[in-house]
C-alpha atoms as a PDB file:
ATOM      1  CA  UNK A   1      -0.089   0.188   0.236  1.00  0.00           C
ATOM      2  CA  UNK A   2       3.004   2.263   0.738  1.00  0.00           C
ATOM      3  CA  UNK A   3       4.280   1.673  -2.561  1.00  0.00           C
ATOM      4  CA  UNK A   4       1.119   2.713  -4.332  1.00  0.00           C
ATOM      5  CA  UNK A   5       0.675   5.625  -2.099  1.00  0.00           C
ATOM      6  CA  UNK A   6       4.131   7.043  -2.787  1.00  0.00           C
ATOM      7  CA  UNK A   7       3.657   6.686  -6.733  1.00  0.00           C
ATOM      8  CA  UNK A   8       0.426   8.764  -6.364  1.00  0.00           C
ATOM      9  CA  UNK A   9       1.840  11.219  -4.409  1.00  0.00           C
ATOM     10  CA  UNK A  10       5.017  11.589  -6.261  1.00  0.00           C
ATOM     11  CA  UNK A  11       2.925  11.368  -9.764  1.00  0.00           C
ATOM     12  CA  UNK A  12       0.263  13.884  -8.762  1.00  0.00           C
ATOM     13  CA  UNK A  13       3.065  16.514  -7.425  1.00  0.00           C
ATOM     14  CA  UNK A  14       5.280  15.852 -10.653  1.00  0.00           C
ATOM     15  CA  UNK A  15       2.129  16.384 -13.082  1.00  0.00           C
ATOM     16  CA  UNK A  16       0.863  19.584 -11.175  1.00  0.00           C
ATOM     17  CA  UNK A  17       4.642  20.750 -11.032  1.00  0.00           C
ATOM     18  CA  UNK A  18       5.218  20.308 -15.026  1.00  0.00           C
ATOM     19  CA  UNK A  19       1.487  22.075 -15.653  1.00  0.00           C
ATOM     20  CA  UNK A  20       2.416  24.957 -13.794  1.00  0.00           C
ATOM     21  CA  UNK A  21       6.355  25.511 -14.930  1.00  0.00           C
ATOM     22  CA  UNK A  22       4.883  25.306 -18.171  1.00  0.00           C
ATOM     23  CA  UNK A  23       2.088  27.696 -17.906  1.00  0.00           C
ATOM     24  CA  UNK A  24       3.768  30.456 -15.747  1.00  0.00           C
ATOM     25  CA  UNK A  25       6.344  31.206 -18.584  1.00  0.00           C
ATOM     26  CA  UNK A  26       3.415  31.835 -20.915  1.00  0.00           C
ATOM     27  CA  UNK A  27       2.165  34.646 -18.529  1.00  0.00           C
ATOM     28  CA  UNK A  28       5.667  36.077 -18.290  1.00  0.00           C
ATOM     29  CA  UNK A  29       5.765  36.314 -21.978  1.00  0.00           C
ATOM     30  CA  UNK A  30       2.342  37.474 -22.363  1.00  0.00           C
ATOM     31  CA  UNK A  31       2.946  40.218 -19.766  1.00  0.00           C
ATOM     32  CA  UNK A  32       6.264  41.326 -21.667  1.00  0.00           C
ATOM     33  CA  UNK A  33       4.629  41.377 -25.027  1.00  0.00           C
ATOM     34  CA  UNK A  34       1.603  43.402 -23.751  1.00  0.00           C
ATOM     35  CA  UNK A  35       3.960  46.075 -22.379  1.00  0.00           C
ATOM     36  CA  UNK A  36       6.408  45.911 -25.000  1.00  0.00           C
ATOM     37  CA  UNK A  37       4.616  45.456 -28.135  1.00  0.00           C
ATOM     38  CA  UNK A  38       4.520  48.955 -29.629  1.00  0.00           C
ATOM     39  CA  UNK A  39       8.536  48.952 -29.148  1.00  0.00           C
ATOM     40  CA  UNK A  40       8.848  45.814 -30.898  1.00  0.00           C
ATOM     41  CA  UNK A  41       6.686  46.734 -33.832  1.00  0.00           C
ATOM     42  CA  UNK A  42       8.528  50.057 -34.159  1.00  0.00           C
ATOM     43  CA  UNK A  43      11.659  48.006 -34.728  1.00  0.00           C
ATOM     44  CA  UNK A  44       9.985  46.497 -37.894  1.00  0.00           C
ATOM     45  CA  UNK A  45      10.399  42.918 -36.244  1.00  0.00           C
ATOM     46  CA  UNK A  46       8.002  40.395 -37.903  1.00  0.00           C
ATOM     47  CA  UNK A  47       5.503  37.964 -35.802  1.00  0.00           C
ATOM     48  CA  UNK A  48       7.852  35.005 -36.558  1.00  0.00           C
ATOM     49  CA  UNK A  49      10.968  37.040 -35.503  1.00  0.00           C
ATOM     50  CA  UNK A  50       9.130  38.131 -32.116  1.00  0.00           C
ATOM     51  CA  UNK A  51       8.060  34.890 -31.533  1.00  0.00           C
ATOM     52  CA  UNK A  52      11.599  33.230 -32.166  1.00  0.00           C
ATOM     53  CA  UNK A  53      13.083  35.780 -29.670  1.00  0.00           C
ATOM     54  CA  UNK A  54      10.606  35.016 -26.720  1.00  0.00           C
ATOM     55  CA  UNK A  55      10.927  31.220 -27.660  1.00  0.00           C
ATOM     56  CA  UNK A  56      14.981  31.572 -26.711  1.00  0.00           C
ATOM     57  CA  UNK A  57      13.668  33.431 -23.286  1.00  0.00           C
ATOM     58  CA  UNK A  58      11.271  30.232 -22.354  1.00  0.00           C
ATOM     59  CA  UNK A  59      14.252  28.477 -20.363  1.00  0.00           C
ATOM     60  CA  UNK A  60      15.100  31.536 -18.657  1.00  0.00           C
ATOM     61  CA  UNK A  61      11.361  31.963 -17.689  1.00  0.00           C
ATOM     62  CA  UNK A  62      11.175  28.299 -16.482  1.00  0.00           C
ATOM     63  CA  UNK A  63      14.113  28.922 -14.172  1.00  0.00           C
ATOM     64  CA  UNK A  64      12.316  31.671 -12.665  1.00  0.00           C
ATOM     65  CA  UNK A  65       9.125  29.601 -12.427  1.00  0.00           C
ATOM     66  CA  UNK A  66      10.394  26.390 -11.053  1.00  0.00           C
ATOM     67  CA  UNK A  67      10.252  27.911  -7.022  1.00  0.00           C
ATOM     68  CA  UNK A  68       6.740  29.355  -7.885  1.00  0.00           C
ATOM     69  CA  UNK A  69       6.020  25.742  -9.517  1.00  0.00           C
ATOM     70  CA  UNK A  70       6.860  23.706  -6.891  1.00  0.00           C
ATOM     71  CA  UNK A  71       5.379  25.774  -4.217  1.00  0.00           C
ATOM     72  CA  UNK A  72       1.806  25.668  -6.113  1.00  0.00           C
ATOM     73  CA  UNK A  73       2.540  22.065  -6.752  1.00  0.00           C
ATOM     74  CA  UNK A  74       3.364  21.088  -3.143  1.00  0.00           C
ATOM     75  CA  UNK A  75       0.489  23.239  -1.912  1.00  0.00           C
ATOM     76  CA  UNK A  76      -2.080  21.912  -4.217  1.00  0.00           C
ATOM     77  CA  UNK A  77      -1.106  18.110  -3.618  1.00  0.00           C
ATOM     78  CA  UNK A  78      -0.969  18.230   0.019  1.00  0.00           C
ATOM     79  CA  UNK A  79      -3.901  20.738   0.801  1.00  0.00           C
ATOM     80  CA  UNK A  80      -6.141  18.398  -1.657  1.00  0.00           C
ATOM     81  CA  UNK A  81      -4.992  15.478   0.771  1.00  0.00           C
ATOM     82  CA  UNK A  82      -5.946  17.143   3.363  1.00  0.00           C
ATOM     83  CA  UNK A  83      -9.297  18.485   2.824  1.00  0.00           C
ATOM     84  CA  UNK A  84     -10.172  14.644   1.216  1.00  0.00           C
ATOM     85  CA  UNK A  85      -9.254  13.382   4.811  1.00  0.00           C
ATOM     86  CA  UNK A  86      -6.611  11.188   2.660  1.00  0.00           C
ATOM     87  CA  UNK A  87      -3.750  12.291   5.096  1.00  0.00           C
ATOM     88  CA  UNK A  88      -5.982  11.481   8.022  1.00  0.00           C
ATOM     89  CA  UNK A  89      -6.702   8.235   6.560  1.00  0.00           C
ATOM     90  CA  UNK A  90      -2.807   7.355   5.870  1.00  0.00           C
ATOM     91  CA  UNK A  91      -2.733   8.299   9.608  1.00  0.00           C
ATOM     92  CA  UNK A  92      -5.294   5.667  10.494  1.00  0.00           C
ATOM     93  CA  UNK A  93      -2.905   3.170   8.464  1.00  0.00           C
ATOM     94  CA  UNK A  94       0.034   4.160  10.600  1.00  0.00           C
ATOM     95  CA  UNK A  95       1.614   6.426   8.069  1.00  0.00           C
ATOM     96  CA  UNK A  96       2.780   9.541   9.617  1.00  0.00           C
ATOM     97  CA  UNK A  97       2.689  12.966   7.670  1.00  0.00           C
ATOM     98  CA  UNK A  98       6.642  13.077   7.017  1.00  0.00           C
ATOM     99  CA  UNK A  99       6.233   9.481   5.172  1.00  0.00           C
ATOM    100  CA  UNK A 100       3.433  10.499   3.358  1.00  0.00           C
ATOM    101  CA  UNK A 101       5.329  13.170   1.721  1.00  0.00           C
ATOM    102  CA  UNK A 102       8.255  11.774   1.327  1.00  0.00           C
ATOM    103  CA  UNK A 103       7.973  11.275  -2.265  1.00  0.00           C
ATOM    104  CA  UNK A 104       7.934  14.863  -3.007  1.00  0.00           C
ATOM    105  CA  UNK A 105      11.389  15.060  -1.697  1.00  0.00           C
ATOM    106  CA  UNK A 106      13.252  13.274  -4.487  1.00  0.00           C
ATOM    107  CA  UNK A 107      11.001  14.489  -7.217  1.00  0.00           C
ATOM    108  CA  UNK A 108      12.041  18.150  -5.564  1.00  0.00           C
ATOM    109  CA  UNK A 109      15.363  17.089  -5.813  1.00  0.00           C
ATOM    110  CA  UNK A 110      15.306  15.983  -9.428  1.00  0.00           C
ATOM    111  CA  UNK A 111      13.717  19.252 -10.744  1.00  0.00           C
ATOM    112  CA  UNK A 112      16.125  21.315  -8.790  1.00  0.00           C
ATOM    113  CA  UNK A 113      18.725  19.720 -10.436  1.00  0.00           C
ATOM    114  CA  UNK A 114      16.989  20.124 -13.894  1.00  0.00           C
ATOM    115  CA  UNK A 115      16.588  23.996 -12.809  1.00  0.00           C
ATOM    116  CA  UNK A 116      20.465  24.122 -12.155  1.00  0.00           C
ATOM    117  CA  UNK A 117      21.315  22.503 -15.693  1.00  0.00           C
ATOM    118  CA  UNK A 118      19.000  24.925 -17.480  1.00  0.00           C
ATOM    119  CA  UNK A 119      20.196  27.572 -15.910  1.00  0.00           C
ATOM    120  CA  UNK A 120      23.929  26.931 -17.677  1.00  0.00           C
ATOM    121  CA  UNK A 121      22.344  27.217 -21.193  1.00  0.00           C
ATOM    122  CA  UNK A 122      20.202  30.566 -20.251  1.00  0.00           C
ATOM    123  CA  UNK A 123      23.043  32.950 -20.589  1.00  0.00           C
ATOM    124  CA  UNK A 124      23.477  32.335 -23.956  1.00  0.00           C
ATOM    125  CA  UNK A 125      19.775  31.821 -25.054  1.00  0.00           C
ATOM    126  CA  UNK A 126      19.262  35.344 -23.411  1.00  0.00           C
ATOM    127  CA  UNK A 127      21.887  36.598 -25.750  1.00  0.00           C
ATOM    128  CA  UNK A 128      20.262  35.135 -28.828  1.00  0.00           C
ATOM    129  CA  UNK A 129      16.841  36.485 -27.961  1.00  0.00           C
ATOM    130  CA  UNK A 130      18.331  39.926 -27.219  1.00  0.00           C
ATOM    131  CA  UNK A 131      19.938  39.993 -30.689  1.00  0.00           C
ATOM    132  CA  UNK A 132      16.827  38.821 -32.055  1.00  0.00           C
ATOM    133  CA  UNK A 133      14.270  41.023 -30.644  1.00  0.00           C
ATOM    134  CA  UNK A 134      16.958  44.166 -31.040  1.00  0.00           C
ATOM    135  CA  UNK A 135      17.358  44.683 -27.481  1.00  0.00           C
ATOM    136  CA  UNK A 136      21.092  44.782 -28.035  1.00  0.00           C
ATOM    137  CA  UNK A 137      22.084  47.364 -30.599  1.00  0.00           C
ATOM    138  CA  UNK A 138      24.551  45.877 -33.261  1.00  0.00           C
ATOM    139  CA  UNK A 139      26.684  48.458 -35.374  1.00  0.00           C
ATOM    140  CA  UNK A 140      27.680  46.180 -38.343  1.00  0.00           C
ATOM    141  CA  UNK A 141      31.462  46.486 -39.228  1.00  0.00           C
ATOM    142  CA  UNK A 142      31.519  50.310 -37.886  1.00  0.00           C
ATOM    143  CA  UNK A 143      31.405  52.384 -34.684  1.00  0.00           C
ATOM    144  CA  UNK A 144      32.671  55.587 -33.339  1.00  0.00           C
ATOM    145  CA  UNK A 145      33.092  57.472 -29.975  1.00  0.00           C
ATOM    146  CA  UNK A 146      32.938  54.704 -27.606  1.00  0.00           C
ATOM    147  CA  UNK A 147      34.489  53.159 -24.062  1.00  0.00           C
ATOM    148  CA  UNK A 148      35.286  49.667 -23.400  1.00  0.00           C
ATOM    149  CA  UNK A 149      36.605  48.289 -20.086  1.00  0.00           C
ATOM    150  CA  UNK A 150      39.336  45.432 -20.616  1.00  0.00           C
ATOM    151  CA  UNK A 151      39.474  42.048 -18.535  1.00  0.00           C
ATOM    152  CA  UNK A 152      42.520  43.831 -16.689  1.00  0.00           C
ATOM    153  CA  UNK A 153      40.577  46.494 -15.560  1.00  0.00           C
ATOM    154  CA  UNK A 154      41.713  48.974 -18.264  1.00  0.00           C
ATOM    155  CA  UNK A 155      39.809  51.567 -19.767  1.00  0.00           C
ATOM    156  CA  UNK A 156      39.505  52.021 -23.819  1.00  0.00           C
ATOM    157  CA  UNK A 157      38.297  55.000 -25.651  1.00  0.00           C
ATOM    158  CA  UNK A 158      38.103  54.908 -29.262  1.00  0.00           C
ATOM    159  CA  UNK A 159      37.108  57.511 -31.816  1.00  0.00           C
ATOM    160  CA  UNK A 160      36.560  54.868 -34.854  1.00  0.00           C
ATOM    161  CA  UNK A 161      36.489  50.861 -35.442  1.00  0.00           C
ATOM    162  CA  UNK A 162      35.978  50.254 -38.641  1.00  0.00           C
ATOM    163  CA  UNK A 163      36.277  46.579 -39.797  1.00  0.00           C
ATOM    164  CA  UNK A 164      39.723  45.249 -37.747  1.00  0.00           C
ATOM    165  CA  UNK A 165      41.324  48.939 -37.432  1.00  0.00           C
ATOM    166  CA  UNK A 166      40.949  51.452 -34.921  1.00  0.00           C
ATOM    167  CA  UNK A 167      41.280  54.991 -35.036  1.00  0.00           C
ATOM    168  CA  UNK A 168      42.290  57.536 -32.232  1.00  0.00           C
ATOM    169  CA  UNK A 169      42.672  55.103 -29.285  1.00  0.00           C
ATOM    170  CA  UNK A 170      43.369  56.057 -25.606  1.00  0.00           C
ATOM    171  CA  UNK A 171      44.284  53.521 -23.323  1.00  0.00           C
ATOM    172  CA  UNK A 172      44.456  53.870 -19.366  1.00  0.00           C
ATOM    173  CA  UNK A 173      45.542  51.093 -17.363  1.00  0.00           C
ATOM    174  CA  UNK A 174      46.957  50.906 -13.524  1.00  0.00           C
ATOM    175  CA  UNK A 175      49.263  47.819 -12.694  1.00  0.00           C
ATOM    176  CA  UNK A 176      49.221  46.197  -9.312  1.00  0.00           C
ATOM    177  CA  UNK A 177      51.691  48.126  -7.745  1.00  0.00           C
ATOM    178  CA  UNK A 178      49.825  51.465  -8.407  1.00  0.00           C
ATOM    179  CA  UNK A 179      51.648  52.610 -11.722  1.00  0.00           C
ATOM    180  CA  UNK A 180      49.260  54.354 -14.090  1.00  0.00           C
ATOM    181  CA  UNK A 181      49.812  53.546 -17.724  1.00  0.00           C
ATOM    182  CA  UNK A 182      48.387  56.375 -20.237  1.00  0.00           C
ATOM    183  CA  UNK A 183      48.699  55.123 -23.789  1.00  0.00           C
ATOM    184  CA  UNK A 184      47.737  57.279 -27.019  1.00  0.00           C
ATOM    185  CA  UNK A 185      47.833  55.634 -30.236  1.00  0.00           C
ATOM    186  CA  UNK A 186      46.757  57.099 -33.874  1.00  0.00           C
ATOM    187  CA  UNK A 187      45.506  53.839 -35.212  1.00  0.00           C
ATOM    188  CA  UNK A 188      45.640  49.986 -34.464  1.00  0.00           C
ATOM    189  CA  UNK A 189      45.151  46.743 -35.898  1.00  0.00           C
ATOM    190  CA  UNK A 190      43.989  43.208 -34.795  1.00  0.00           C
ATOM    191  CA  UNK A 191      45.224  39.532 -35.532  1.00  0.00           C
ATOM    192  CA  UNK A 192      43.624  36.656 -33.759  1.00  0.00           C
ATOM    193  CA  UNK A 193      47.560  35.807 -32.761  1.00  0.00           C
ATOM    194  CA  UNK A 194      48.446  38.652 -31.305  1.00  0.00           C
ATOM    195  CA  UNK A 195      45.206  40.488 -30.518  1.00  0.00           C
ATOM    196  CA  UNK A 196      45.644  44.579 -31.074  1.00  0.00           C
ATOM    197  CA  UNK A 197      48.970  46.270 -31.863  1.00  0.00           C
ATOM    198  CA  UNK A 198      48.800  50.006 -31.359  1.00  0.00           C
ATOM    199  CA  UNK A 199      50.879  52.263 -33.702  1.00  0.00           C
ATOM    200  CA  UNK A 200      51.949  55.507 -33.485  1.00  0.00           C
ATOM    201  CA  UNK A 201      51.740  56.780 -30.452  1.00  0.00           C
ATOM    202  CA  UNK A 202      52.820  57.856 -27.001  1.00  0.00           C
ATOM    203  CA  UNK A 203      52.962  56.161 -23.429  1.00  0.00           C
ATOM    204  CA  UNK A 204      53.223  57.705 -20.532  1.00  0.00           C
ATOM    205  CA  UNK A 205      54.062  56.024 -17.009  1.00  0.00           C
ATOM    206  CA  UNK A 206      53.354  57.716 -13.764  1.00  0.00           C
ATOM    207  CA  UNK A 207      54.560  55.759 -10.649  1.00  0.00           C
ATOM    208  CA  UNK A 208      53.162  55.593  -7.499  1.00  0.00           C
ATOM    209  CA  UNK A 209      55.495  58.126  -6.099  1.00  0.00           C
ATOM    210  CA  UNK A 210      54.296  60.425  -8.700  1.00  0.00           C
ATOM    211  CA  UNK A 211      57.539  60.423 -10.911  1.00  0.00           C
ATOM    212  CA  UNK A 212      56.578  59.675 -14.726  1.00  0.00           C
ATOM    213  CA  UNK A 213      58.253  58.859 -17.783  1.00  0.00           C
ATOM    214  CA  UNK A 214      57.406  59.279 -21.293  1.00  0.00           C
ATOM    215  CA  UNK A 215      57.996  57.177 -24.699  1.00  0.00           C
ATOM    216  CA  UNK A 216      57.077  57.235 -28.199  1.00  0.00           C
ATOM    217  CA  UNK A 217      56.737  54.131 -29.984  1.00  0.00           C
ATOM    218  CA  UNK A 218      55.818  52.666 -33.673  1.00  0.00           C
ATOM    219  CA  UNK A 219      54.339  49.754 -32.483  1.00  0.00           C
ATOM    220  CA  UNK A 220      52.930  49.003 -28.957  1.00  0.00           C
ATOM    221  CA  UNK A 221      51.329  45.682 -27.449  1.00  0.00           C
ATOM    222  CA  UNK A 222      49.942  45.355 -23.848  1.00  0.00           C
ATOM    223  CA  UNK A 223      48.888  42.259 -21.945  1.00  0.00           C
ATOM    224  CA  UNK A 224      44.931  41.931 -21.943  1.00  0.00           C
ATOM    225  CA  UNK A 225      44.492  43.989 -25.320  1.00  0.00           C
ATOM    226  CA  UNK A 226      42.813  41.102 -26.802  1.00  0.00           C
ATOM    227  CA  UNK A 227      39.207  41.929 -27.356  1.00  0.00           C
ATOM    228  CA  UNK A 228      38.021  40.657 -30.708  1.00  0.00           C
ATOM    229  CA  UNK A 229      36.429  43.553 -33.066  1.00  0.00           C
ATOM    230  CA  UNK A 230      33.022  41.662 -33.078  1.00  0.00           C
ATOM    231  CA  UNK A 231      32.780  42.203 -29.401  1.00  0.00           C
ATOM    232  CA  UNK A 232      33.512  45.747 -29.597  1.00  0.00           C
ATOM    233  CA  UNK A 233      31.013  46.099 -32.330  1.00  0.00           C
ATOM    234  CA  UNK A 234      28.278  45.119 -29.715  1.00  0.00           C
ATOM    235  CA  UNK A 235      26.597  46.911 -26.879  1.00  0.00           C
ATOM    236  CA  UNK A 236      27.815  45.293 -23.693  1.00  0.00           C
ATOM    237  CA  UNK A 237      25.540  42.316 -22.925  1.00  0.00           C
ATOM    238  CA  UNK A 238      22.914  42.470 -19.953  1.00  0.00           C
ATOM    239  CA  UNK A 239      23.388  40.714 -16.613  1.00  0.00           C
ATOM    240  CA  UNK A 240      21.158  37.791 -17.656  1.00  0.00           C
ATOM    241  CA  UNK A 241      23.502  37.029 -20.920  1.00  0.00           C
ATOM    242  CA  UNK A 242      26.136  36.113 -18.546  1.00  0.00           C
ATOM    243  CA  UNK A 243      26.841  33.051 -16.777  1.00  0.00           C
ATOM    244  CA  UNK A 244      28.178  32.537 -13.459  1.00  0.00           C
ATOM    245  CA  UNK A 245      31.846  32.905 -14.027  1.00  0.00           C
ATOM    246  CA  UNK A 246      31.414  35.606 -16.957  1.00  0.00           C
ATOM    247  CA  UNK A 247      29.429  37.907 -13.952  1.00  0.00           C
ATOM    248  CA  UNK A 248      32.484  37.076 -11.729  1.00  0.00           C
ATOM    249  CA  UNK A 249      34.793  38.412 -14.397  1.00  0.00           C
ATOM    250  CA  UNK A 250      32.930  41.619 -15.006  1.00  0.00           C
ATOM    251  CA  UNK A 251      32.641  42.360 -11.240  1.00  0.00           C
ATOM    252  CA  UNK A 252      36.224  41.670 -10.558  1.00  0.00           C
ATOM    253  CA  UNK A 253      36.903  44.190 -13.875  1.00  0.00           C
ATOM    254  CA  UNK A 254      34.560  46.765 -12.312  1.00  0.00           C
ATOM    255  CA  UNK A 255      36.329  46.734  -9.187  1.00  0.00           C
ATOM    256  CA  UNK A 256      39.551  46.834 -10.406  1.00  0.00           C
ATOM    257  CA  UNK A 257      38.418  50.403 -11.974  1.00  0.00           C
ATOM    258  CA  UNK A 258      37.000  51.821  -8.887  1.00  0.00           C
ATOM    259  CA  UNK A 259      33.189  50.979  -9.536  1.00  0.00           C
ATOM    260  CA  UNK A 260      30.702  49.214  -7.063  1.00  0.00           C
ATOM    261  CA  UNK A 261      30.787  45.641  -8.141  1.00  0.00           C
ATOM    262  CA  UNK A 262      28.267  44.504  -5.311  1.00  0.00           C
ATOM    263  CA  UNK A 263      25.379  44.137  -7.404  1.00  0.00           C
ATOM    264  CA  UNK A 264      27.140  42.022 -10.136  1.00  0.00           C
ATOM    265  CA  UNK A 265      28.423  39.752  -7.035  1.00  0.00           C
ATOM    266  CA  UNK A 266      24.647  39.534  -5.768  1.00  0.00           C
ATOM    267  CA  UNK A 267      23.558  38.534  -9.312  1.00  0.00           C
ATOM    268  CA  UNK A 268      25.973  35.730  -9.666  1.00  0.00           C
ATOM    269  CA  UNK A 269      25.042  34.601  -6.441  1.00  0.00           C
ATOM    270  CA  UNK A 270      21.247  34.049  -7.631  1.00  0.00           C
ATOM    271  CA  UNK A 271      22.755  32.002 -10.522  1.00  0.00           C
ATOM    272  CA  UNK A 272      22.534  29.202  -7.686  1.00  0.00           C
ATOM    273  CA  UNK A 273      20.365  30.454  -5.003  1.00  0.00           C
ATOM    274  CA  UNK A 274      16.981  30.644  -7.324  1.00  0.00           C
ATOM    275  CA  UNK A 275      17.326  27.117  -8.747  1.00  0.00           C
ATOM    276  CA  UNK A 276      18.034  25.941  -5.247  1.00  0.00           C
ATOM    277  CA  UNK A 277      14.908  27.407  -3.947  1.00  0.00           C
ATOM    278  CA  UNK A 278      12.718  24.809  -5.821  1.00  0.00           C
ATOM    279  CA  UNK A 279      13.850  22.319  -3.319  1.00  0.00           C
ATOM    280  CA  UNK A 280      13.619  24.661  -0.332  1.00  0.00           C
ATOM    281  CA  UNK A 281      10.359  25.862  -1.463  1.00  0.00           C
ATOM    282  CA  UNK A 282       8.752  22.238  -1.607  1.00  0.00           C
ATOM    283  CA  UNK A 283      10.078  21.779   2.218  1.00  0.00           C
ATOM    284  CA  UNK A 284       8.426  24.886   3.243  1.00  0.00           C
ATOM    285  CA  UNK A 285       5.129  24.309   1.117  1.00  0.00           C
ATOM    286  CA  UNK A 286       4.091  20.567   2.484  1.00  0.00           C
ATOM    287  CA  UNK A 287       3.657  21.718   5.747  1.00  0.00           C
ATOM    288  CA  UNK A 288       2.222  24.804   5.021  1.00  0.00           C
ATOM    289  CA  UNK A 289      -0.590  23.247   3.233  1.00  0.00           C
ATOM    290  CA  UNK A 290      -1.934  21.440   6.429  1.00  0.00           C
ATOM    291  CA  UNK A 291      -2.511  24.426   8.418  1.00  0.00           C
ATOM    292  CA  UNK A 292      -5.809  25.128   6.706  1.00  0.00           C
ATOM    293  CA  UNK A 293      -8.299  22.465   7.169  1.00  0.00           C
ATOM    294  CA  UNK A 294     -11.193  23.480   5.075  1.00  0.00           C
ATOM    295  CA  UNK A 295     -11.614  25.169   1.561  1.00  0.00           C
ATOM    296  CA  UNK A 296     -11.005  24.466  -1.989  1.00  0.00           C
ATOM    297  CA  UNK A 297      -8.696  25.358  -4.772  1.00  0.00           C
ATOM    298  CA  UNK A 298      -9.054  28.807  -3.884  1.00  0.00           C
ATOM    299  CA  UNK A 299      -7.202  28.408  -0.259  1.00  0.00           C
ATOM    300  CA  UNK A 300      -4.252  26.726  -2.379  1.00  0.00           C
ATOM    301  CA  UNK A 301      -4.347  29.715  -4.941  1.00  0.00           C
ATOM    302  CA  UNK A 302      -4.241  31.972  -1.518  1.00  0.00           C
ATOM    303  CA  UNK A 303      -1.429  30.257  -0.033  1.00  0.00           C
ATOM    304  CA  UNK A 304       0.705  29.994  -2.941  1.00  0.00           C
ATOM    305  CA  UNK A 305      -0.012  33.448  -3.966  1.00  0.00           C
ATOM    306  CA  UNK A 306       0.635  35.383  -0.709  1.00  0.00           C
ATOM    307  CA  UNK A 307       3.986  32.765  -0.355  1.00  0.00           C
ATOM    308  CA  UNK A 308       5.432  33.585  -3.738  1.00  0.00           C
ATOM    309  CA  UNK A 309       4.642  37.462  -3.273  1.00  0.00           C
ATOM    310  CA  UNK A 310       6.394  37.484  -0.251  1.00  0.00           C
ATOM    311  CA  UNK A 311       9.357  35.433  -1.475  1.00  0.00           C
ATOM    312  CA  UNK A 312       9.464  37.613  -4.634  1.00  0.00           C
ATOM    313  CA  UNK A 313       9.560  40.778  -2.292  1.00  0.00           C
ATOM    314  CA  UNK A 314      12.270  39.233   0.168  1.00  0.00           C
ATOM    315  CA  UNK A 315      14.257  38.623  -3.158  1.00  0.00           C
ATOM    316  CA  UNK A 316      14.052  41.849  -4.555  1.00  0.00           C
ATOM    317  CA  UNK A 317      14.388  43.605  -1.121  1.00  0.00           C
ATOM    318  CA  UNK A 318      17.575  41.779   0.015  1.00  0.00           C
ATOM    319  CA  UNK A 319      19.121  42.158  -3.464  1.00  0.00           C
ATOM    320  CA  UNK A 320      18.889  45.926  -3.253  1.00  0.00           C
ATOM    321  CA  UNK A 321      20.505  45.708   0.326  1.00  0.00           C
ATOM    322  CA  UNK A 322      23.433  43.629  -1.164  1.00  0.00           C
ATOM    323  CA  UNK A 323      23.777  45.954  -3.983  1.00  0.00           C
ATOM    324  CA  UNK A 324      24.229  48.716  -1.487  1.00  0.00           C
ATOM    325  CA  UNK A 325      26.949  47.118   0.133  1.00  0.00           C
ATOM    326  CA  UNK A 326      24.281  46.245   3.313  1.00  0.00           C
ATOM    327  CA  UNK A 327      25.012  42.818   3.093  1.00  0.00           C
ATOM    328  CA  UNK A 328      27.659  40.379   1.415  1.00  0.00           C
ATOM    329  CA  UNK A 329      26.547  39.083  -2.013  1.00  0.00           C
ATOM    330  CA  UNK A 330      26.260  35.586  -0.265  1.00  0.00           C
ATOM    331  CA  UNK A 331      23.815  36.765   2.388  1.00  0.00           C
ATOM    332  CA  UNK A 332      21.709  39.058   0.118  1.00  0.00           C
ATOM    333  CA  UNK A 333      21.160  35.997  -2.461  1.00  0.00           C
ATOM    334  CA  UNK A 334      20.286  33.456   0.043  1.00  0.00           C
ATOM    335  CA  UNK A 335      18.701  34.955   2.727  1.00  0.00           C
ATOM    336  CA  UNK A 336      15.350  34.185   1.497  1.00  0.00           C
ATOM    337  CA  UNK A 337      16.197  30.783   1.329  1.00  0.00           C
ATOM    338  CA  UNK A 338      17.373  30.495   4.628  1.00  0.00           C
ATOM    339  CA  UNK A 339      14.097  32.145   5.868  1.00  0.00           C
ATOM    340  CA  UNK A 340      11.603  29.861   3.789  1.00  0.00           C
ATOM    341  CA  UNK A 341      13.732  26.812   4.743  1.00  0.00           C
ATOM    342  CA  UNK A 342      13.834  27.702   8.520  1.00  0.00           C
ATOM    343  CA  UNK A 343       9.972  28.402   8.678  1.00  0.00           C
ATOM    344  CA  UNK A 344       9.779  25.084   6.837  1.00  0.00           C
ATOM    345  CA  UNK A 345      11.747  23.308   9.192  1.00  0.00           C
ATOM    346  CA  UNK A 346       9.559  24.971  12.183  1.00  0.00           C
ATOM    347  CA  UNK A 347       6.115  23.809  10.261  1.00  0.00           C
ATOM    348  CA  UNK A 348       7.431  20.155   9.731  1.00  0.00           C
ATOM    349  CA  UNK A 349       8.548  19.748  13.183  1.00  0.00           C
ATOM    350  CA  UNK A 350       4.829  21.194  14.658  1.00  0.00           C
ATOM    351  CA  UNK A 351       2.955  19.483  12.120  1.00  0.00           C
ATOM    352  CA  UNK A 352       0.537  16.710  13.748  1.00  0.00           C
ATOM    353  CA  UNK A 353       2.280  13.275  12.463  1.00  0.00           C
END
């Protein structure tokens, strides 16, 4: 009987999770499309291009929807068993509440793993969606008057980029010992083997003791000056278009240049905390659904909706606190998860078995 009951609980939870995790992204798409339809039409995009652009974003929406879907599936599964007295019948047969909902745990672990795996391909698909929907501007083979930050932390100012040639290049880079290198070059060319080679320019070196030396050069190469031309021809990608390691690299580059990287570090930590919330929400939702003994689907919707709103509010609140430096990036990203986990443990401990 226990095996049959396990299969019933796991099947009910899984079916409801898959139903909600695939329907919630549709709501995200419709909401975003309603807000941006005039903008997309003004860009001259066809219906097929718009549809394909949003199709690329579906995995991103699924990752965000996974904790919500897990909560809804758990609440509806357990609350339905509560109001139909299936839990009471199981207890009469010697099966505790903890044992009854145990099949939900491995199912939640599998779905959490799926969310983690899906999150690894989300940045690349988001980049493709941004290009398809025109959210990230491309400049063809020509761009003028722009600034690019190197991975080494240096700042590259360019008057003109055409194909693989630069004109009017200014480079400022500070070494680890505090020495400032200021480079101006008339032009520069690119090869895949050597990166950028600057030509016909001047190099000014300012040391920490304020002493300085100036040089004139015909050809100049510098470590880290290897960004391909096609990357210089695009607007910088949005945070959602970067993976875990790419966000870390951008944050470190921003730190070296004197900026505040806290927001990027929080976003990087959320790459792990949001998929992990799927399992934590399952542990929270199971005992929560038993707190209300009466009512139909409306009660389940109310519990799920209120808990979802609370989670999203805490996610945004702690993200803002972390971005301002009030909390470390780890605690800013994981505090909502730890809060729901703590409440879930208390509810599991207090539930009548």
